[in-house]
């Protein structure tokens, strides 16, 4: 159960007034998320896990991009953040969480691509630095022991990420808000298709969102052209740049697993 202090941030919870319902939500591996119903509505309470500070995650950027997406009807409304307590509260939306099978179905990928096109058309809030996958990769190295870096050939992986990111950048036509973590648990089918969990949202080349899907779900790769078209992504050298962006995501995912298995001892 969430702590009393965390629950107190949910609208309608106060001294002497308990929630009507508290239910753990499945999904994330780092943070805890709960559905909390009160007399004032239904909410999602997210509580930071002990390892929430990870390369590519920055709470202020997350808030700005989440709020921009919510205003456009792409994400649930973000109601409050309490950084000191590691708490975030969003509205709860009805729907069915996608499964892995959704991400190999042409119709579902078409819908996802159309939502991504809407996201990528939004104006980026001011002051957000561009996505830097190489900096993220180097942060992962710093979180690993020297022995682990050598034994897992992590430095070679960082070099490959750098080369691939450079290839993506060669043909970019502009930066846009991207979601950055399009796993199936972050897609909710309700009145419309909602994008959840904006921790890894970035200002980046839109191609990275399509690459994220194809890196995590290789069985979707035969539908790559359809997904690109639905997302409104065109241009010369697109196939080569997409392959490079997939390598970036595969590399960062590989480093994440290396850090998880070989954390640096303090």
C-alpha atoms as a PDB file:
ATOM      1  CA  UNK A   1       0.000   0.000   0.000  1.00  0.00           C
ATOM      2  CA  UNK A   2       1.159   3.575  -0.589  1.00  0.00           C
ATOM      3  CA  UNK A   3       2.274   5.488   2.481  1.00  0.00           C
ATOM      4  CA  UNK A   4      -0.131   7.831   4.212  1.00  0.00           C
ATOM      5  CA  UNK A   5       2.067  10.760   3.137  1.00  0.00           C
ATOM      6  CA  UNK A   6       1.897   9.742  -0.522  1.00  0.00           C
ATOM      7  CA  UNK A   7      -1.855   9.145  -0.446  1.00  0.00           C
ATOM      8  CA  UNK A   8      -2.381  12.575   1.095  1.00  0.00           C
ATOM      9  CA  UNK A   9      -1.437  14.147  -2.251  1.00  0.00           C
ATOM     10  CA  UNK A  10      -4.437  12.566  -3.992  1.00  0.00           C
ATOM     11  CA  UNK A  11      -7.441  14.924  -4.268  1.00  0.00           C
ATOM     12  CA  UNK A  12     -10.127  13.906  -1.783  1.00  0.00           C
ATOM     13  CA  UNK A  13      -7.794  12.163   0.660  1.00  0.00           C
ATOM     14  CA  UNK A  14      -7.334  13.977   3.966  1.00  0.00           C
ATOM     15  CA  UNK A  15      -7.251  13.336   7.676  1.00  0.00           C
ATOM     16  CA  UNK A  16     -10.169  11.109   8.597  1.00  0.00           C
ATOM     17  CA  UNK A  17     -11.193  10.564   4.964  1.00  0.00           C
ATOM     18  CA  UNK A  18      -9.778   7.397   3.417  1.00  0.00           C
ATOM     19  CA  UNK A  19      -9.772   6.560  -0.302  1.00  0.00           C
ATOM     20  CA  UNK A  20     -12.692   4.579  -1.641  1.00  0.00           C
ATOM     21  CA  UNK A  21     -10.363   2.249  -3.532  1.00  0.00           C
ATOM     22  CA  UNK A  22      -6.617   1.669  -3.766  1.00  0.00           C
ATOM     23  CA  UNK A  23      -5.316  -0.803  -6.349  1.00  0.00           C
ATOM     24  CA  UNK A  24      -1.794  -1.407  -7.582  1.00  0.00           C
ATOM     25  CA  UNK A  25      -1.391  -0.961 -11.339  1.00  0.00           C
ATOM     26  CA  UNK A  26       0.784  -3.311 -13.338  1.00  0.00           C
ATOM     27  CA  UNK A  27       3.496  -2.059 -15.640  1.00  0.00           C
ATOM     28  CA  UNK A  28       6.599  -0.215 -14.516  1.00  0.00           C
ATOM     29  CA  UNK A  29       9.659  -1.933 -13.078  1.00  0.00           C
ATOM     30  CA  UNK A  30      11.117   1.105 -11.299  1.00  0.00           C
ATOM     31  CA  UNK A  31       8.231   3.186  -9.900  1.00  0.00           C
ATOM     32  CA  UNK A  32       5.033   2.107  -8.124  1.00  0.00           C
ATOM     33  CA  UNK A  33       1.696   3.161  -9.616  1.00  0.00           C
ATOM     34  CA  UNK A  34      -1.678   2.932  -7.929  1.00  0.00           C
ATOM     35  CA  UNK A  35      -5.275   3.588  -8.889  1.00  0.00           C
ATOM     36  CA  UNK A  36      -6.841   5.669  -6.137  1.00  0.00           C
ATOM     37  CA  UNK A  37     -10.566   6.461  -6.137  1.00  0.00           C
ATOM     38  CA  UNK A  38     -11.978   9.184  -3.894  1.00  0.00           C
ATOM     39  CA  UNK A  39     -15.148  11.223  -3.699  1.00  0.00           C
ATOM     40  CA  UNK A  40     -13.483  13.712  -6.083  1.00  0.00           C
ATOM     41  CA  UNK A  41     -12.667  11.257  -8.851  1.00  0.00           C
ATOM     42  CA  UNK A  42     -10.327   8.503 -10.011  1.00  0.00           C
ATOM     43  CA  UNK A  43      -6.589   9.089 -10.049  1.00  0.00           C
ATOM     44  CA  UNK A  44      -3.244   7.436 -10.750  1.00  0.00           C
ATOM     45  CA  UNK A  45      -0.682   7.940  -8.003  1.00  0.00           C
ATOM     46  CA  UNK A  46       2.915   7.294  -9.070  1.00  0.00           C
ATOM     47  CA  UNK A  47       5.590   6.977  -6.403  1.00  0.00           C
ATOM     48  CA  UNK A  48       9.254   7.184  -7.393  1.00  0.00           C
ATOM     49  CA  UNK A  49      11.230   4.001  -6.891  1.00  0.00           C
ATOM     50  CA  UNK A  50      14.709   4.137  -5.333  1.00  0.00           C
ATOM     51  CA  UNK A  51      16.380   3.982  -8.769  1.00  0.00           C
ATOM     52  CA  UNK A  52      14.182   6.459 -10.635  1.00  0.00           C
ATOM     53  CA  UNK A  53      17.203   8.680 -11.428  1.00  0.00           C
ATOM     54  CA  UNK A  54      18.372   7.064 -14.651  1.00  0.00           C
ATOM     55  CA  UNK A  55      20.021   8.285 -17.844  1.00  0.00           C
ATOM     56  CA  UNK A  56      17.408   9.921 -20.049  1.00  0.00           C
ATOM     57  CA  UNK A  57      14.982  10.651 -17.185  1.00  0.00           C
ATOM     58  CA  UNK A  58      14.491  14.226 -15.995  1.00  0.00           C
ATOM     59  CA  UNK A  59      11.352  15.126 -14.081  1.00  0.00           C
ATOM     60  CA  UNK A  60      11.047  18.759 -15.217  1.00  0.00           C
ATOM     61  CA  UNK A  61      11.308  17.809 -18.886  1.00  0.00           C
ATOM     62  CA  UNK A  62       8.867  14.965 -18.329  1.00  0.00           C
ATOM     63  CA  UNK A  63       6.323  17.340 -16.827  1.00  0.00           C
ATOM     64  CA  UNK A  64       6.597  19.876 -19.645  1.00  0.00           C
ATOM     65  CA  UNK A  65       6.221  17.315 -22.429  1.00  0.00           C
ATOM     66  CA  UNK A  66       3.514  15.351 -20.627  1.00  0.00           C
ATOM     67  CA  UNK A  67       1.475  18.520 -20.129  1.00  0.00           C
ATOM     68  CA  UNK A  68       1.889  19.490 -23.794  1.00  0.00           C
ATOM     69  CA  UNK A  69       0.686  16.036 -24.859  1.00  0.00           C
ATOM     70  CA  UNK A  70      -2.245  16.158 -22.420  1.00  0.00           C
ATOM     71  CA  UNK A  71      -3.372  19.526 -23.792  1.00  0.00           C
ATOM     72  CA  UNK A  72      -3.437  17.923 -27.239  1.00  0.00           C
ATOM     73  CA  UNK A  73      -5.550  15.004 -25.978  1.00  0.00           C
ATOM     74  CA  UNK A  74      -2.752  12.450 -26.297  1.00  0.00           C
ATOM     75  CA  UNK A  75      -2.131  11.731 -22.608  1.00  0.00           C
ATOM     76  CA  UNK A  76      -3.983  11.789 -19.276  1.00  0.00           C
ATOM     77  CA  UNK A  77      -4.007  15.132 -17.478  1.00  0.00           C
ATOM     78  CA  UNK A  78      -1.133  15.628 -15.067  1.00  0.00           C
ATOM     79  CA  UNK A  79      -2.680  17.055 -11.908  1.00  0.00           C
ATOM     80  CA  UNK A  80       0.304  17.558  -9.619  1.00  0.00           C
ATOM     81  CA  UNK A  81       3.920  16.734  -8.900  1.00  0.00           C
ATOM     82  CA  UNK A  82       5.511  16.732  -5.454  1.00  0.00           C
ATOM     83  CA  UNK A  83       9.194  16.187  -6.117  1.00  0.00           C
ATOM     84  CA  UNK A  84      10.191  16.273  -2.449  1.00  0.00           C
ATOM     85  CA  UNK A  85       7.953  13.263  -1.794  1.00  0.00           C
ATOM     86  CA  UNK A  86       8.592  11.635  -5.172  1.00  0.00           C
ATOM     87  CA  UNK A  87       4.904  11.729  -6.070  1.00  0.00           C
ATOM     88  CA  UNK A  88       2.928  12.417  -9.233  1.00  0.00           C
ATOM     89  CA  UNK A  89      -0.863  12.352  -9.642  1.00  0.00           C
ATOM     90  CA  UNK A  90      -2.653  11.992 -13.001  1.00  0.00           C
ATOM     91  CA  UNK A  91      -6.242  11.405 -13.951  1.00  0.00           C
ATOM     92  CA  UNK A  92      -7.253   7.750 -14.305  1.00  0.00           C
ATOM     93  CA  UNK A  93      -8.532   6.750 -17.745  1.00  0.00           C
ATOM     94  CA  UNK A  94     -10.596   3.690 -18.607  1.00  0.00           C
ATOM     95  CA  UNK A  95      -9.245   1.399 -21.261  1.00  0.00           C
ATOM     96  CA  UNK A  96      -7.391  -1.749 -22.213  1.00  0.00           C
ATOM     97  CA  UNK A  97      -3.626  -1.816 -21.998  1.00  0.00           C
ATOM     98  CA  UNK A  98      -2.046  -2.999 -25.212  1.00  0.00           C
ATOM     99  CA  UNK A  99      -0.310  -6.346 -25.362  1.00  0.00           C
ATOM    100  CA  UNK A 100       2.645  -7.369 -27.474  1.00  0.00           C
ATOM    101  CA  UNK A 101       0.274  -8.756 -30.122  1.00  0.00           C
ATOM    102  CA  UNK A 102      -1.148  -5.279 -30.745  1.00  0.00           C
ATOM    103  CA  UNK A 103       2.266  -4.126 -31.930  1.00  0.00           C
ATOM    104  CA  UNK A 104       2.363  -6.559 -34.834  1.00  0.00           C
ATOM    105  CA  UNK A 105      -1.146  -5.835 -36.116  1.00  0.00           C
ATOM    106  CA  UNK A 106      -1.203  -3.493 -39.132  1.00  0.00           C
ATOM    107  CA  UNK A 107      -4.346  -1.650 -38.036  1.00  0.00           C
ATOM    108  CA  UNK A 108      -3.003  -1.019 -34.553  1.00  0.00           C
ATOM    109  CA  UNK A 109       0.344   0.171 -35.897  1.00  0.00           C
ATOM    110  CA  UNK A 110      -1.524   2.497 -38.253  1.00  0.00           C
ATOM    111  CA  UNK A 111      -3.373   3.988 -35.268  1.00  0.00           C
ATOM    112  CA  UNK A 112      -0.170   4.326 -33.285  1.00  0.00           C
ATOM    113  CA  UNK A 113       1.582   6.035 -36.180  1.00  0.00           C
ATOM    114  CA  UNK A 114      -1.267   8.528 -36.510  1.00  0.00           C
ATOM    115  CA  UNK A 115      -1.033   9.374 -32.813  1.00  0.00           C
ATOM    116  CA  UNK A 116       2.714   9.834 -33.134  1.00  0.00           C
ATOM    117  CA  UNK A 117       2.175  12.213 -36.055  1.00  0.00           C
ATOM    118  CA  UNK A 118      -0.048  14.315 -33.775  1.00  0.00           C
ATOM    119  CA  UNK A 119       2.570  14.263 -31.025  1.00  0.00           C
ATOM    120  CA  UNK A 120       5.420  15.204 -33.343  1.00  0.00           C
ATOM    121  CA  UNK A 121       3.432  18.151 -34.707  1.00  0.00           C
ATOM    122  CA  UNK A 122       3.270  19.803 -31.267  1.00  0.00           C
ATOM    123  CA  UNK A 123       5.427  22.769 -30.408  1.00  0.00           C
ATOM    124  CA  UNK A 124       8.303  21.932 -28.093  1.00  0.00           C
ATOM    125  CA  UNK A 125       8.141  23.898 -24.829  1.00  0.00           C
ATOM    126  CA  UNK A 126      11.030  26.368 -24.562  1.00  0.00           C
ATOM    127  CA  UNK A 127      14.254  25.513 -22.796  1.00  0.00           C
ATOM    128  CA  UNK A 128      14.302  21.767 -23.453  1.00  0.00           C
ATOM    129  CA  UNK A 129      17.694  20.535 -24.623  1.00  0.00           C
ATOM    130  CA  UNK A 130      17.892  18.064 -27.530  1.00  0.00           C
ATOM    131  CA  UNK A 131      18.053  14.337 -26.821  1.00  0.00           C
ATOM    132  CA  UNK A 132      21.677  13.236 -26.417  1.00  0.00           C
ATOM    133  CA  UNK A 133      21.884   9.446 -26.607  1.00  0.00           C
ATOM    134  CA  UNK A 134      25.677   9.499 -26.347  1.00  0.00           C
ATOM    135  CA  UNK A 135      25.541  11.403 -23.056  1.00  0.00           C
ATOM    136  CA  UNK A 136      22.986   8.876 -21.791  1.00  0.00           C
ATOM    137  CA  UNK A 137      25.264   6.022 -22.815  1.00  0.00           C
ATOM    138  CA  UNK A 138      28.224   7.561 -20.995  1.00  0.00           C
ATOM    139  CA  UNK A 139      26.102   7.992 -17.871  1.00  0.00           C
ATOM    140  CA  UNK A 140      25.407   4.265 -17.994  1.00  0.00           C
ATOM    141  CA  UNK A 141      29.144   3.594 -18.109  1.00  0.00           C
ATOM    142  CA  UNK A 142      29.631   5.741 -15.018  1.00  0.00           C
ATOM    143  CA  UNK A 143      27.024   3.661 -13.181  1.00  0.00           C
ATOM    144  CA  UNK A 144      28.943   0.418 -13.801  1.00  0.00           C
ATOM    145  CA  UNK A 145      32.036  -0.943 -12.139  1.00  0.00           C
ATOM    146  CA  UNK A 146      35.272  -0.797 -14.178  1.00  0.00           C
ATOM    147  CA  UNK A 147      35.383  -4.590 -14.214  1.00  0.00           C
ATOM    148  CA  UNK A 148      31.819  -4.779 -15.522  1.00  0.00           C
ATOM    149  CA  UNK A 149      32.546  -2.209 -18.237  1.00  0.00           C
ATOM    150  CA  UNK A 150      35.458  -4.316 -19.475  1.00  0.00           C
ATOM    151  CA  UNK A 151      33.780  -7.717 -19.162  1.00  0.00           C
ATOM    152  CA  UNK A 152      30.580  -6.668 -20.925  1.00  0.00           C
ATOM    153  CA  UNK A 153      32.338  -4.670 -23.668  1.00  0.00           C
ATOM    154  CA  UNK A 154      30.188  -1.720 -22.718  1.00  0.00           C
ATOM    155  CA  UNK A 155      32.610   0.857 -24.137  1.00  0.00           C
ATOM    156  CA  UNK A 156      32.265  -0.726 -27.577  1.00  0.00           C
ATOM    157  CA  UNK A 157      28.515  -0.434 -27.274  1.00  0.00           C
ATOM    158  CA  UNK A 158      28.828   3.270 -26.417  1.00  0.00           C
ATOM    159  CA  UNK A 159      30.982   3.781 -29.518  1.00  0.00           C
ATOM    160  CA  UNK A 160      28.350   2.056 -31.668  1.00  0.00           C
ATOM    161  CA  UNK A 161      25.610   4.250 -30.167  1.00  0.00           C
ATOM    162  CA  UNK A 162      27.663   7.340 -30.986  1.00  0.00           C
ATOM    163  CA  UNK A 163      28.177   6.249 -34.594  1.00  0.00           C
ATOM    164  CA  UNK A 164      24.500   5.382 -35.025  1.00  0.00           C
ATOM    165  CA  UNK A 165      23.313   8.648 -33.452  1.00  0.00           C
ATOM    166  CA  UNK A 166      25.564  10.550 -35.830  1.00  0.00           C
ATOM    167  CA  UNK A 167      23.984   8.752 -38.774  1.00  0.00           C
ATOM    168  CA  UNK A 168      20.488   9.670 -37.562  1.00  0.00           C
ATOM    169  CA  UNK A 169      21.490  13.308 -37.169  1.00  0.00           C
ATOM    170  CA  UNK A 170      22.892  13.549 -40.696  1.00  0.00           C
ATOM    171  CA  UNK A 171      19.470  13.678 -42.299  1.00  0.00           C
ATOM    172  CA  UNK A 172      17.283  15.120 -39.585  1.00  0.00           C
ATOM    173  CA  UNK A 173      14.853  17.811 -40.674  1.00  0.00           C
ATOM    174  CA  UNK A 174      13.905  19.040 -37.216  1.00  0.00           C
ATOM    175  CA  UNK A 175      13.254  18.140 -33.600  1.00  0.00           C
ATOM    176  CA  UNK A 176       9.896  17.462 -31.990  1.00  0.00           C
ATOM    177  CA  UNK A 177       8.422  16.094 -28.773  1.00  0.00           C
ATOM    178  CA  UNK A 178       8.816  12.318 -28.679  1.00  0.00           C
ATOM    179  CA  UNK A 179       7.469   9.821 -26.165  1.00  0.00           C
ATOM    180  CA  UNK A 180      10.656   7.775 -26.062  1.00  0.00           C
ATOM    181  CA  UNK A 181       9.377   4.600 -24.354  1.00  0.00           C
ATOM    182  CA  UNK A 182       6.699   2.986 -26.511  1.00  0.00           C
ATOM    183  CA  UNK A 183       6.398  -0.355 -24.761  1.00  0.00           C
ATOM    184  CA  UNK A 184       2.959  -1.925 -24.937  1.00  0.00           C
ATOM    185  CA  UNK A 185       2.165  -1.199 -21.280  1.00  0.00           C
ATOM    186  CA  UNK A 186       2.385   2.529 -22.065  1.00  0.00           C
ATOM    187  CA  UNK A 187      -0.414   2.351 -24.660  1.00  0.00           C
ATOM    188  CA  UNK A 188      -4.012   2.461 -23.457  1.00  0.00           C
ATOM    189  CA  UNK A 189      -7.000   1.811 -25.725  1.00  0.00           C
ATOM    190  CA  UNK A 190     -10.089   3.584 -24.447  1.00  0.00           C
ATOM    191  CA  UNK A 191     -12.162   6.328 -25.996  1.00  0.00           C
ATOM    192  CA  UNK A 192      -9.018   6.802 -28.061  1.00  0.00           C
ATOM    193  CA  UNK A 193      -5.422   5.614 -28.006  1.00  0.00           C
ATOM    194  CA  UNK A 194      -3.623   7.207 -25.059  1.00  0.00           C
ATOM    195  CA  UNK A 195       0.132   7.439 -24.490  1.00  0.00           C
ATOM    196  CA  UNK A 196       1.107   6.858 -20.853  1.00  0.00           C
ATOM    197  CA  UNK A 197       4.290   7.257 -18.773  1.00  0.00           C
ATOM    198  CA  UNK A 198       6.317  10.173 -20.109  1.00  0.00           C
ATOM    199  CA  UNK A 199       9.522   9.566 -18.121  1.00  0.00           C
ATOM    200  CA  UNK A 200      11.679   9.175 -21.220  1.00  0.00           C
ATOM    201  CA  UNK A 201      10.025  11.922 -23.273  1.00  0.00           C
ATOM    202  CA  UNK A 202      12.547  14.027 -25.166  1.00  0.00           C
ATOM    203  CA  UNK A 203      13.009  16.737 -27.752  1.00  0.00           C
ATOM    204  CA  UNK A 204      14.396  14.688 -30.602  1.00  0.00           C
ATOM    205  CA  UNK A 205      14.151  13.542 -34.190  1.00  0.00           C
ATOM    206  CA  UNK A 206      10.649  11.989 -34.552  1.00  0.00           C
ATOM    207  CA  UNK A 207      12.261   8.961 -36.164  1.00  0.00           C
ATOM    208  CA  UNK A 208      13.338   7.830 -32.704  1.00  0.00           C
ATOM    209  CA  UNK A 209       9.747   6.995 -31.698  1.00  0.00           C
ATOM    210  CA  UNK A 210       9.326   4.629 -34.642  1.00  0.00           C
ATOM    211  CA  UNK A 211      12.765   3.169 -33.926  1.00  0.00           C
ATOM    212  CA  UNK A 212      11.763   2.588 -30.315  1.00  0.00           C
ATOM    213  CA  UNK A 213       8.785   0.461 -31.388  1.00  0.00           C
ATOM    214  CA  UNK A 214      10.844  -1.582 -33.840  1.00  0.00           C
ATOM    215  CA  UNK A 215      13.760  -2.041 -31.435  1.00  0.00           C
ATOM    216  CA  UNK A 216      11.495  -3.376 -28.689  1.00  0.00           C
ATOM    217  CA  UNK A 217       9.219  -5.383 -31.014  1.00  0.00           C
ATOM    218  CA  UNK A 218      11.266  -6.861 -33.877  1.00  0.00           C
ATOM    219  CA  UNK A 219       8.226  -8.752 -35.171  1.00  0.00           C
ATOM    220  CA  UNK A 220       6.752  -5.365 -36.144  1.00  0.00           C
ATOM    221  CA  UNK A 221       9.610  -4.607 -38.531  1.00  0.00           C
ATOM    222  CA  UNK A 222       7.785  -5.943 -41.649  1.00  0.00           C
ATOM    223  CA  UNK A 223       5.281  -3.134 -40.952  1.00  0.00           C
ATOM    224  CA  UNK A 224       7.984  -0.444 -40.726  1.00  0.00           C
ATOM    225  CA  UNK A 225       6.988   1.329 -43.950  1.00  0.00           C
ATOM    226  CA  UNK A 226       3.362   1.531 -42.852  1.00  0.00           C
ATOM    227  CA  UNK A 227       4.308   2.861 -39.428  1.00  0.00           C
ATOM    228  CA  UNK A 228       6.609   5.480 -40.940  1.00  0.00           C
ATOM    229  CA  UNK A 229       3.921   6.612 -43.373  1.00  0.00           C
ATOM    230  CA  UNK A 230       1.263   6.829 -40.665  1.00  0.00           C
ATOM    231  CA  UNK A 231       3.643   8.896 -38.564  1.00  0.00           C
ATOM    232  CA  UNK A 232       4.198  11.229 -41.520  1.00  0.00           C
ATOM    233  CA  UNK A 233       7.921  10.472 -41.787  1.00  0.00           C
ATOM    234  CA  UNK A 234       9.466  10.691 -45.233  1.00  0.00           C
ATOM    235  CA  UNK A 235      12.737  11.715 -46.827  1.00  0.00           C
ATOM    236  CA  UNK A 236      15.837  10.417 -48.553  1.00  0.00           C
ATOM    237  CA  UNK A 237      17.936   7.891 -46.688  1.00  0.00           C
ATOM    238  CA  UNK A 238      15.037   7.217 -44.313  1.00  0.00           C
ATOM    239  CA  UNK A 239      15.539   3.448 -44.185  1.00  0.00           C
ATOM    240  CA  UNK A 240      19.225   3.807 -43.324  1.00  0.00           C
ATOM    241  CA  UNK A 241      18.547   6.431 -40.684  1.00  0.00           C
ATOM    242  CA  UNK A 242      15.816   4.268 -39.168  1.00  0.00           C
ATOM    243  CA  UNK A 243      18.218   1.335 -38.890  1.00  0.00           C
ATOM    244  CA  UNK A 244      20.682   3.625 -37.129  1.00  0.00           C
ATOM    245  CA  UNK A 245      18.008   4.881 -34.720  1.00  0.00           C
ATOM    246  CA  UNK A 246      17.055   1.274 -33.929  1.00  0.00           C
ATOM    247  CA  UNK A 247      20.718   0.597 -33.083  1.00  0.00           C
ATOM    248  CA  UNK A 248      20.647   3.552 -30.698  1.00  0.00           C
ATOM    249  CA  UNK A 249      17.667   2.120 -28.810  1.00  0.00           C
ATOM    250  CA  UNK A 250      19.056  -1.397 -28.822  1.00  0.00           C
ATOM    251  CA  UNK A 251      22.359  -0.077 -27.502  1.00  0.00           C
ATOM    252  CA  UNK A 252      20.808   1.992 -24.721  1.00  0.00           C
ATOM    253  CA  UNK A 253      18.616  -0.938 -23.730  1.00  0.00           C
ATOM    254  CA  UNK A 254      21.680  -3.166 -23.641  1.00  0.00           C
ATOM    255  CA  UNK A 255      23.499  -0.721 -21.367  1.00  0.00           C
ATOM    256  CA  UNK A 256      20.467  -0.466 -19.090  1.00  0.00           C
ATOM    257  CA  UNK A 257      20.546  -4.236 -18.603  1.00  0.00           C
ATOM    258  CA  UNK A 258      24.307  -4.179 -17.966  1.00  0.00           C
ATOM    259  CA  UNK A 259      23.891  -1.536 -15.269  1.00  0.00           C
ATOM    260  CA  UNK A 260      21.027  -3.434 -13.664  1.00  0.00           C
ATOM    261  CA  UNK A 261      23.124  -6.608 -13.494  1.00  0.00           C
ATOM    262  CA  UNK A 262      26.447  -4.896 -12.657  1.00  0.00           C
ATOM    263  CA  UNK A 263      25.851  -1.734 -10.591  1.00  0.00           C
ATOM    264  CA  UNK A 264      28.843   0.209  -9.404  1.00  0.00           C
ATOM    265  CA  UNK A 265      29.576  -0.227  -5.688  1.00  0.00           C
ATOM    266  CA  UNK A 266      29.796   3.046  -3.793  1.00  0.00           C
END
